[in-house]
């Protein structure tokens, strides 16, 4: 029987991924290779509530609190690094750390870029009626000239013509 898609439990592969990634500190690509899945699968696993709950337990068992984590995260916001510029060490913004801070903060608050979805919308009945009226006004015919049957007269005035109001 297939496993239920329950957000509050982890399957054996998910627990194995958790062990390698969170406890042993392996990267997502390393973890994916070890357990034989792609990186997107690991990302999906990490979004589960049970993963978060286990991560909190693991953090607390190591003597850390969420406050410690938050403090470190906030430090990333203004992170600087030293680079060698012509033999002189200069402190510059650590853009990689600052971007990581922003991504992590966005994830905490649940801020994600909208995914691209194709949507085909059907116009409402009112909109269809309005469009039809506009088209009729634009293309209305006020009169039609009809010649007699078999008449192929030109504009020379020969033949009889009738005007039929529409």
N, C-alpha and C. Protein backbone atom coordinates (compact mmCIF):
# COMPACT_ATOMS: atom_id res chain seq x y z
N UNK A 1 0.85 -1.18 0.00
CA UNK A 1 0.00 0.00 0.00
C UNK A 1 0.90 1.24 0.00
N UNK A 2 0.62 2.23 -0.88
CA UNK A 2 1.47 3.42 -0.93
C UNK A 2 1.34 4.25 0.33
N UNK A 3 2.42 4.92 0.65
CA UNK A 3 2.44 5.76 1.86
C UNK A 3 1.51 6.95 1.66
N UNK A 4 0.84 7.33 2.73
CA UNK A 4 -0.05 8.49 2.68
C UNK A 4 0.78 9.75 2.57
N UNK A 5 0.24 10.74 1.89
CA UNK A 5 0.95 12.01 1.76
C UNK A 5 0.64 12.85 2.99
N UNK A 6 1.21 12.44 4.09
CA UNK A 6 0.98 13.10 5.36
C UNK A 6 2.12 14.05 5.65
N UNK A 7 1.81 15.29 5.94
CA UNK A 7 2.81 16.31 6.20
C UNK A 7 3.46 16.14 7.57
N UNK A 8 2.82 15.38 8.44
CA UNK A 8 3.29 15.28 9.82
C UNK A 8 4.08 14.02 10.11
N UNK A 9 4.33 13.20 9.11
CA UNK A 9 5.15 12.01 9.29
C UNK A 9 6.22 11.97 8.20
N UNK A 10 7.30 11.25 8.48
CA UNK A 10 8.36 11.08 7.50
C UNK A 10 8.50 9.61 7.16
N UNK A 11 8.71 9.32 5.89
CA UNK A 11 8.95 7.95 5.46
C UNK A 11 10.40 7.59 5.77
N UNK A 12 10.74 6.32 5.60
CA UNK A 12 12.11 5.90 5.85
C UNK A 12 13.12 6.67 4.99
N UNK A 13 12.87 6.83 3.67
CA UNK A 13 13.83 7.62 2.87
C UNK A 13 13.93 9.07 3.37
N UNK A 14 12.83 9.63 3.82
CA UNK A 14 12.86 11.00 4.34
C UNK A 14 13.67 11.07 5.62
N UNK A 15 13.50 10.07 6.49
CA UNK A 15 14.30 10.03 7.73
C UNK A 15 15.78 9.87 7.41
N UNK A 16 16.08 9.04 6.41
CA UNK A 16 17.47 8.84 6.00
C UNK A 16 18.05 10.15 5.46
N UNK A 17 17.27 10.84 4.64
CA UNK A 17 17.71 12.14 4.10
C UNK A 17 17.93 13.13 5.24
N UNK A 18 17.02 13.13 6.20
CA UNK A 18 17.15 14.03 7.35
C UNK A 18 18.46 13.75 8.09
N UNK A 19 18.73 12.48 8.33
CA UNK A 19 19.95 12.08 9.04
C UNK A 19 21.19 12.59 8.31
N UNK A 20 21.25 12.38 6.99
CA UNK A 20 22.43 12.80 6.23
C UNK A 20 22.54 14.32 6.12
N UNK A 21 21.42 14.98 5.86
CA UNK A 21 21.47 16.41 5.58
C UNK A 21 21.54 17.24 6.86
N UNK A 22 20.63 17.02 7.77
CA UNK A 22 20.55 17.87 8.97
C UNK A 22 21.52 17.44 10.06
N UNK A 23 21.62 16.15 10.31
CA UNK A 23 22.45 15.68 11.42
C UNK A 23 23.93 15.62 11.02
N UNK A 24 24.21 15.03 9.88
CA UNK A 24 25.60 14.87 9.45
C UNK A 24 26.12 16.08 8.68
N UNK A 25 25.23 16.98 8.28
CA UNK A 25 25.64 18.22 7.62
C UNK A 25 26.01 18.09 6.16
N UNK A 26 25.55 17.03 5.52
CA UNK A 26 25.85 16.87 4.09
C UNK A 26 24.99 17.85 3.29
N UNK A 27 25.49 18.22 2.12
CA UNK A 27 24.75 19.14 1.26
C UNK A 27 23.56 18.41 0.63
N UNK A 28 22.66 19.19 0.05
CA UNK A 28 21.50 18.58 -0.61
C UNK A 28 21.94 17.66 -1.76
N UNK A 29 22.89 18.10 -2.64
CA UNK A 29 23.33 17.18 -3.70
C UNK A 29 23.95 15.89 -3.16
N UNK A 30 24.75 16.00 -2.09
CA UNK A 30 25.35 14.80 -1.50
C UNK A 30 24.27 13.88 -0.94
N UNK A 31 23.32 14.47 -0.23
CA UNK A 31 22.24 13.67 0.36
C UNK A 31 21.42 13.00 -0.73
N UNK A 32 21.10 13.73 -1.78
CA UNK A 32 20.31 13.18 -2.88
C UNK A 32 21.03 11.99 -3.52
N UNK A 33 22.33 12.13 -3.70
CA UNK A 33 23.10 11.04 -4.31
C UNK A 33 23.14 9.82 -3.39
N UNK A 34 23.29 10.03 -2.09
CA UNK A 34 23.38 8.92 -1.15
C UNK A 34 22.09 8.10 -1.14
N UNK A 35 20.95 8.79 -1.11
CA UNK A 35 19.70 8.03 -1.01
C UNK A 35 19.06 7.74 -2.36
N UNK A 36 19.67 8.22 -3.45
CA UNK A 36 19.22 7.87 -4.78
C UNK A 36 17.99 8.61 -5.27
N UNK A 37 17.89 9.90 -4.94
CA UNK A 37 16.79 10.73 -5.44
C UNK A 37 17.38 12.00 -6.02
N UNK A 38 16.53 12.80 -6.68
CA UNK A 38 17.05 14.07 -7.19
C UNK A 38 16.94 15.16 -6.11
N UNK A 39 17.58 16.27 -6.38
CA UNK A 39 17.64 17.36 -5.39
C UNK A 39 16.27 17.97 -5.11
N UNK A 40 15.43 18.01 -6.11
CA UNK A 40 14.08 18.56 -5.91
C UNK A 40 13.28 17.71 -4.92
N UNK A 41 13.53 16.42 -4.93
CA UNK A 41 12.86 15.54 -3.98
C UNK A 41 13.27 15.88 -2.55
N UNK A 42 14.56 16.16 -2.36
CA UNK A 42 15.04 16.55 -1.03
C UNK A 42 14.39 17.87 -0.64
N UNK A 43 14.30 18.81 -1.56
CA UNK A 43 13.65 20.10 -1.27
C UNK A 43 12.20 19.89 -0.84
N UNK A 44 11.48 19.00 -1.54
CA UNK A 44 10.08 18.73 -1.16
C UNK A 44 10.01 18.11 0.24
N UNK A 45 10.96 17.21 0.53
CA UNK A 45 10.99 16.58 1.85
C UNK A 45 11.16 17.64 2.95
N UNK A 46 12.04 18.61 2.67
CA UNK A 46 12.36 19.62 3.69
C UNK A 46 11.18 20.54 4.00
N UNK A 47 10.19 20.59 3.11
CA UNK A 47 9.03 21.46 3.34
C UNK A 47 7.99 20.83 4.27
N UNK A 48 8.16 19.57 4.59
CA UNK A 48 7.17 18.90 5.42
C UNK A 48 7.26 19.38 6.88
N UNK A 49 6.14 19.46 7.53
CA UNK A 49 6.07 19.86 8.93
C UNK A 49 6.90 18.93 9.80
N UNK A 50 6.84 17.64 9.52
CA UNK A 50 7.59 16.67 10.33
C UNK A 50 9.09 16.92 10.24
N UNK A 51 9.58 17.32 9.07
CA UNK A 51 11.00 17.62 8.91
C UNK A 51 11.37 18.78 9.81
N UNK A 52 10.55 19.82 9.79
CA UNK A 52 10.79 21.00 10.62
C UNK A 52 10.79 20.62 12.10
N UNK A 53 9.82 19.82 12.50
CA UNK A 53 9.73 19.39 13.90
C UNK A 53 10.97 18.62 14.33
N UNK A 54 11.43 17.71 13.46
CA UNK A 54 12.65 16.95 13.78
C UNK A 54 13.87 17.87 13.83
N UNK A 55 13.91 18.85 12.94
CA UNK A 55 15.05 19.78 12.93
C UNK A 55 15.10 20.56 14.23
N UNK A 56 13.95 20.99 14.71
CA UNK A 56 13.91 21.73 15.99
C UNK A 56 14.40 20.84 17.12
N UNK A 57 13.96 19.59 17.14
CA UNK A 57 14.40 18.66 18.19
C UNK A 57 15.92 18.46 18.11
N UNK A 58 16.45 18.28 16.88
CA UNK A 58 17.90 18.09 16.71
C UNK A 58 18.67 19.31 17.16
N UNK A 59 18.18 20.50 16.85
CA UNK A 59 18.84 21.74 17.27
C UNK A 59 18.87 21.82 18.79
N UNK A 60 17.74 21.53 19.41
CA UNK A 60 17.66 21.62 20.88
C UNK A 60 18.52 20.56 21.55
N UNK A 61 18.62 19.36 20.96
CA UNK A 61 19.45 18.31 21.54
C UNK A 61 20.93 18.66 21.48
N UNK A 62 21.31 19.53 20.56
CA UNK A 62 22.70 19.97 20.47
C UNK A 62 22.97 21.17 21.36
N UNK A 63 21.97 21.54 22.16
CA UNK A 63 22.15 22.64 23.10
C UNK A 63 21.87 24.02 22.52
N UNK A 64 21.29 24.07 21.36
CA UNK A 64 20.96 25.35 20.74
C UNK A 64 19.46 25.61 20.88
N UNK A 65 19.12 26.87 20.77
CA UNK A 65 17.70 27.24 20.79
C UNK A 65 17.35 27.91 19.47
N UNK A 66 16.08 28.09 19.23
CA UNK A 66 15.68 28.82 18.04
C UNK A 66 16.16 30.26 18.11
N UNK A 67 16.29 30.78 19.33
CA UNK A 67 16.83 32.13 19.52
C UNK A 67 18.26 32.23 19.02
N UNK A 68 19.08 31.19 19.30
CA UNK A 68 20.46 31.17 18.80
C UNK A 68 20.46 31.19 17.27
N UNK A 69 19.59 30.38 16.70
CA UNK A 69 19.48 30.31 15.25
C UNK A 69 19.08 31.66 14.68
N UNK A 70 18.10 32.28 15.28
CA UNK A 70 17.62 33.59 14.81
C UNK A 70 18.74 34.63 14.90
N UNK A 71 19.51 34.57 15.99
CA UNK A 71 20.61 35.52 16.17
C UNK A 71 21.64 35.36 15.05
N UNK A 72 22.00 34.12 14.74
CA UNK A 72 22.96 33.85 13.67
C UNK A 72 22.39 34.31 12.33
N UNK A 73 21.12 34.07 12.13
CA UNK A 73 20.48 34.48 10.88
C UNK A 73 20.53 36.00 10.73
N UNK A 74 20.24 36.70 11.79
CA UNK A 74 20.27 38.17 11.76
C UNK A 74 21.68 38.69 11.51
N UNK A 75 22.69 38.00 12.06
CA UNK A 75 24.08 38.40 11.83
C UNK A 75 24.44 38.33 10.34
N UNK A 76 23.80 37.41 9.62
CA UNK A 76 24.07 37.26 8.19
C UNK A 76 23.64 38.50 7.40
N UNK A 77 22.66 39.21 7.93
CA UNK A 77 22.11 40.37 7.23
C UNK A 77 23.18 41.42 6.95
N UNK A 78 24.07 41.65 7.91
CA UNK A 78 25.11 42.68 7.77
C UNK A 78 26.51 42.08 7.63
N UNK A 79 26.58 40.84 7.20
CA UNK A 79 27.85 40.12 7.11
C UNK A 79 28.83 40.81 6.17
N UNK A 80 30.07 40.87 6.59
CA UNK A 80 31.17 41.42 5.80
C UNK A 80 32.23 40.34 5.63
N UNK A 81 33.03 40.49 4.61
CA UNK A 81 34.15 39.58 4.42
C UNK A 81 35.38 40.40 4.04
N UNK A 82 36.54 39.80 4.22
CA UNK A 82 37.78 40.49 3.87
C UNK A 82 38.29 39.96 2.54
N UNK A 83 38.72 40.90 1.71
CA UNK A 83 39.33 40.52 0.44
C UNK A 83 40.65 41.27 0.30
N UNK A 84 41.54 40.70 -0.46
CA UNK A 84 42.85 41.29 -0.69
C UNK A 84 42.75 42.20 -1.91
N UNK A 85 42.98 43.50 -1.68
CA UNK A 85 42.94 44.47 -2.77
C UNK A 85 44.32 45.12 -2.84
N UNK A 86 45.12 44.69 -3.78
CA UNK A 86 46.46 45.26 -3.97
C UNK A 86 47.33 45.11 -2.73
N UNK A 87 47.25 43.97 -2.06
CA UNK A 87 48.07 43.72 -0.88
C UNK A 87 47.47 44.28 0.41
N UNK A 88 46.33 44.92 0.32
CA UNK A 88 45.65 45.47 1.50
C UNK A 88 44.36 44.71 1.72
N UNK A 89 44.10 44.31 2.96
CA UNK A 89 42.84 43.63 3.27
C UNK A 89 41.74 44.67 3.42
N UNK A 90 40.68 44.47 2.66
CA UNK A 90 39.54 45.39 2.72
C UNK A 90 38.29 44.62 3.14
N UNK A 91 37.49 45.25 3.98
CA UNK A 91 36.21 44.65 4.38
C UNK A 91 35.14 45.10 3.40
N UNK A 92 34.43 44.12 2.85
CA UNK A 92 33.36 44.42 1.90
C UNK A 92 32.12 43.61 2.28
N UNK A 93 31.00 44.01 1.70
CA UNK A 93 29.75 43.30 1.94
C UNK A 93 29.88 41.86 1.47
N UNK A 94 29.38 40.92 2.25
CA UNK A 94 29.36 39.51 1.84
C UNK A 94 27.99 39.25 1.22
N UNK A 95 27.91 39.53 -0.07
CA UNK A 95 26.63 39.43 -0.77
C UNK A 95 26.02 38.03 -0.70
N UNK A 96 26.84 37.00 -0.78
CA UNK A 96 26.32 35.63 -0.74
C UNK A 96 25.63 35.37 0.60
N UNK A 97 26.24 35.81 1.69
CA UNK A 97 25.63 35.62 3.02
C UNK A 97 24.36 36.44 3.15
N UNK A 98 24.37 37.65 2.59
CA UNK A 98 23.19 38.51 2.69
C UNK A 98 22.03 37.95 1.87
N UNK A 99 22.32 37.39 0.71
CA UNK A 99 21.28 36.77 -0.10
C UNK A 99 20.74 35.53 0.62
N UNK A 100 21.63 34.76 1.21
CA UNK A 100 21.20 33.58 1.97
C UNK A 100 20.28 34.00 3.12
N UNK A 101 20.62 35.09 3.79
CA UNK A 101 19.78 35.63 4.87
C UNK A 101 18.39 35.95 4.34
N UNK A 102 18.34 36.66 3.21
CA UNK A 102 17.05 37.04 2.63
C UNK A 102 16.22 35.83 2.23
N UNK A 103 16.87 34.84 1.62
CA UNK A 103 16.15 33.63 1.21
C UNK A 103 15.60 32.88 2.43
N UNK A 104 16.42 32.76 3.44
CA UNK A 104 16.01 32.04 4.65
C UNK A 104 14.87 32.78 5.36
N UNK A 105 14.98 34.10 5.44
CA UNK A 105 13.94 34.90 6.07
C UNK A 105 12.64 34.79 5.29
N UNK A 106 12.74 34.85 3.96
CA UNK A 106 11.55 34.70 3.12
C UNK A 106 10.90 33.34 3.35
N UNK A 107 11.72 32.29 3.47
CA UNK A 107 11.18 30.95 3.70
C UNK A 107 10.47 30.88 5.05
N UNK A 108 11.05 31.51 6.06
CA UNK A 108 10.44 31.50 7.39
C UNK A 108 9.05 32.15 7.35
N UNK A 109 8.96 33.24 6.63
CA UNK A 109 7.68 33.96 6.54
C UNK A 109 6.76 33.40 5.45
N UNK A 110 7.24 32.41 4.71
CA UNK A 110 6.42 31.81 3.67
C UNK A 110 6.28 32.67 2.43
N UNK A 111 7.28 33.52 2.19
CA UNK A 111 7.25 34.39 1.01
C UNK A 111 7.99 33.70 -0.13
N UNK A 112 7.26 33.32 -1.15
CA UNK A 112 7.86 32.68 -2.30
C UNK A 112 7.36 33.39 -3.54
N UNK A 113 8.18 33.39 -4.56
CA UNK A 113 7.75 33.99 -5.83
C UNK A 113 6.60 33.16 -6.38
N UNK A 114 5.63 33.82 -6.96
CA UNK A 114 4.51 33.05 -7.53
C UNK A 114 4.99 32.17 -8.66
N UNK A 115 4.41 31.00 -8.75
CA UNK A 115 4.77 30.11 -9.84
C UNK A 115 3.98 30.50 -11.07
N UNK A 116 4.57 30.26 -12.22
CA UNK A 116 3.92 30.61 -13.48
C UNK A 116 2.86 29.55 -13.79
N UNK A 117 1.64 30.01 -13.96
CA UNK A 117 0.54 29.12 -14.31
C UNK A 117 -0.18 29.69 -15.53
N UNK A 118 -0.49 28.83 -16.48
CA UNK A 118 -1.27 29.28 -17.62
C UNK A 118 -2.74 29.18 -17.24
N UNK A 119 -3.46 30.26 -17.47
CA UNK A 119 -4.87 30.29 -17.12
C UNK A 119 -5.65 30.73 -18.35
N UNK A 120 -6.68 29.99 -18.66
CA UNK A 120 -7.57 30.37 -19.74
C UNK A 120 -8.88 30.79 -19.09
N UNK A 121 -9.18 32.07 -19.21
CA UNK A 121 -10.39 32.58 -18.57
C UNK A 121 -11.50 32.69 -19.60
N UNK A 122 -12.69 32.32 -19.17
CA UNK A 122 -13.86 32.48 -20.02
C UNK A 122 -14.52 33.79 -19.64
N UNK A 123 -14.90 34.57 -20.65
CA UNK A 123 -15.57 35.83 -20.32
C UNK A 123 -16.95 35.56 -19.73
N UNK A 124 -17.40 36.49 -18.92
CA UNK A 124 -18.72 36.35 -18.32
C UNK A 124 -19.79 36.58 -19.38
N UNK A 125 -21.02 36.19 -19.07
CA UNK A 125 -22.14 36.39 -20.00
C UNK A 125 -22.31 37.88 -20.30
N UNK A 126 -22.15 38.72 -19.27
CA UNK A 126 -22.30 40.15 -19.46
C UNK A 126 -21.24 40.69 -20.42
N UNK A 127 -20.02 40.20 -20.24
CA UNK A 127 -18.93 40.66 -21.10
C UNK A 127 -19.14 40.20 -22.54
N UNK A 128 -19.62 38.97 -22.71
CA UNK A 128 -19.91 38.47 -24.05
C UNK A 128 -21.00 39.32 -24.71
N UNK A 129 -22.06 39.64 -23.96
CA UNK A 129 -23.16 40.45 -24.49
C UNK A 129 -22.65 41.84 -24.89
N UNK A 130 -21.81 42.42 -24.05
CA UNK A 130 -21.26 43.74 -24.33
C UNK A 130 -20.38 43.70 -25.58
N UNK A 131 -19.55 42.68 -25.71
CA UNK A 131 -18.69 42.54 -26.89
C UNK A 131 -19.52 42.34 -28.15
N UNK A 132 -20.60 41.58 -28.05
CA UNK A 132 -21.48 41.34 -29.19
C UNK A 132 -22.15 42.64 -29.63
N UNK A 133 -22.64 43.42 -28.66
CA UNK A 133 -23.26 44.72 -28.98
C UNK A 133 -22.27 45.64 -29.68
N UNK A 134 -21.05 45.71 -29.15
CA UNK A 134 -20.03 46.57 -29.76
C UNK A 134 -19.74 46.13 -31.19
N UNK A 135 -19.68 44.82 -31.41
CA UNK A 135 -19.40 44.31 -32.75
C UNK A 135 -20.56 44.63 -33.70
N UNK A 136 -21.79 44.49 -33.21
CA UNK A 136 -22.96 44.79 -34.05
C UNK A 136 -22.99 46.27 -34.42
N UNK A 137 -22.65 47.15 -33.45
CA UNK A 137 -22.63 48.59 -33.73
C UNK A 137 -21.55 48.92 -34.76
N UNK A 138 -20.43 48.29 -34.62
CA UNK A 138 -19.29 48.57 -35.48
C UNK A 138 -19.55 48.10 -36.92
N UNK A 139 -20.23 46.98 -37.04
CA UNK A 139 -20.41 46.37 -38.36
C UNK A 139 -21.87 46.36 -38.80
N UNK A 140 -22.67 47.30 -38.34
CA UNK A 140 -24.09 47.30 -38.71
C UNK A 140 -24.25 47.73 -40.16
N UNK A 141 -25.30 47.22 -40.80
CA UNK A 141 -25.61 47.54 -42.18
C UNK A 141 -26.93 48.30 -42.16
N UNK A 142 -26.94 49.49 -42.72
CA UNK A 142 -28.15 50.30 -42.70
C UNK A 142 -29.09 49.93 -43.84
N UNK A 143 -28.56 49.55 -44.99
CA UNK A 143 -29.42 49.16 -46.10
C UNK A 143 -28.64 48.27 -47.05
N UNK A 144 -29.39 47.53 -47.85
CA UNK A 144 -28.80 46.63 -48.82
C UNK A 144 -29.47 46.91 -50.15
N UNK A 145 -28.71 47.04 -51.20
CA UNK A 145 -29.27 47.24 -52.54
C UNK A 145 -29.32 45.89 -53.23
N UNK A 146 -30.49 45.56 -53.72
CA UNK A 146 -30.64 44.27 -54.38
C UNK A 146 -31.16 44.52 -55.79
N UNK A 147 -30.52 43.95 -56.78
CA UNK A 147 -30.99 44.08 -58.16
C UNK A 147 -31.99 42.99 -58.48
N UNK A 148 -32.62 43.10 -59.66
CA UNK A 148 -33.57 42.07 -60.07
C UNK A 148 -32.82 40.79 -60.38
N UNK A 149 -33.55 39.69 -60.30
CA UNK A 149 -32.93 38.40 -60.56
C UNK A 149 -32.35 38.38 -61.97
N UNK A 150 -31.14 37.91 -62.07
CA UNK A 150 -30.48 37.85 -63.34
C UNK A 150 -29.87 39.18 -63.76
N UNK A 151 -30.02 40.18 -62.95
CA UNK A 151 -29.48 41.50 -63.26
C UNK A 151 -28.01 41.55 -62.93
N UNK A 152 -27.21 41.86 -63.87
CA UNK A 152 -25.78 42.03 -63.61
C UNK A 152 -25.38 43.42 -64.01
N UNK A 153 -26.28 44.35 -63.73
CA UNK A 153 -26.04 45.72 -64.17
C UNK A 153 -24.91 46.35 -63.39
N UNK A 154 -24.30 47.28 -64.02
CA UNK A 154 -23.25 48.04 -63.36
C UNK A 154 -23.84 49.37 -62.93
N UNK A 155 -23.04 50.32 -62.65
CA UNK A 155 -23.54 51.62 -62.18
C UNK A 155 -23.96 52.54 -63.33
N UNK A 156 -24.35 51.98 -64.45
CA UNK A 156 -24.76 52.80 -65.59
C UNK A 156 -26.21 53.22 -65.48
N UNK A 157 -26.90 52.72 -64.47
CA UNK A 157 -28.29 53.11 -64.27
C UNK A 157 -29.26 52.15 -64.90
N UNK A 158 -28.75 51.15 -65.64
CA UNK A 158 -29.63 50.17 -66.25
C UNK A 158 -30.07 49.17 -65.20
N UNK A 159 -31.25 48.71 -65.26
CA UNK A 159 -31.78 47.74 -64.31
C UNK A 159 -32.43 48.42 -63.14
N UNK A 160 -33.30 47.70 -62.52
CA UNK A 160 -34.06 48.25 -61.41
C UNK A 160 -33.39 47.83 -60.10
N UNK A 161 -33.34 48.73 -59.13
CA UNK A 161 -32.73 48.42 -57.82
C UNK A 161 -33.73 48.75 -56.74
N UNK A 162 -33.74 47.93 -55.70
CA UNK A 162 -34.59 48.19 -54.56
C UNK A 162 -33.71 48.35 -53.34
N UNK A 163 -34.11 49.23 -52.44
CA UNK A 163 -33.37 49.40 -51.17
C UNK A 163 -34.20 48.77 -50.08
N UNK A 164 -33.61 47.83 -49.39
CA UNK A 164 -34.30 47.11 -48.31
C UNK A 164 -33.71 47.57 -46.99
N UNK A 165 -34.51 48.20 -46.14
CA UNK A 165 -33.97 48.60 -44.84
C UNK A 165 -33.73 47.37 -43.97
N UNK A 166 -32.70 47.44 -43.16
CA UNK A 166 -32.36 46.32 -42.29
C UNK A 166 -32.75 46.65 -40.87
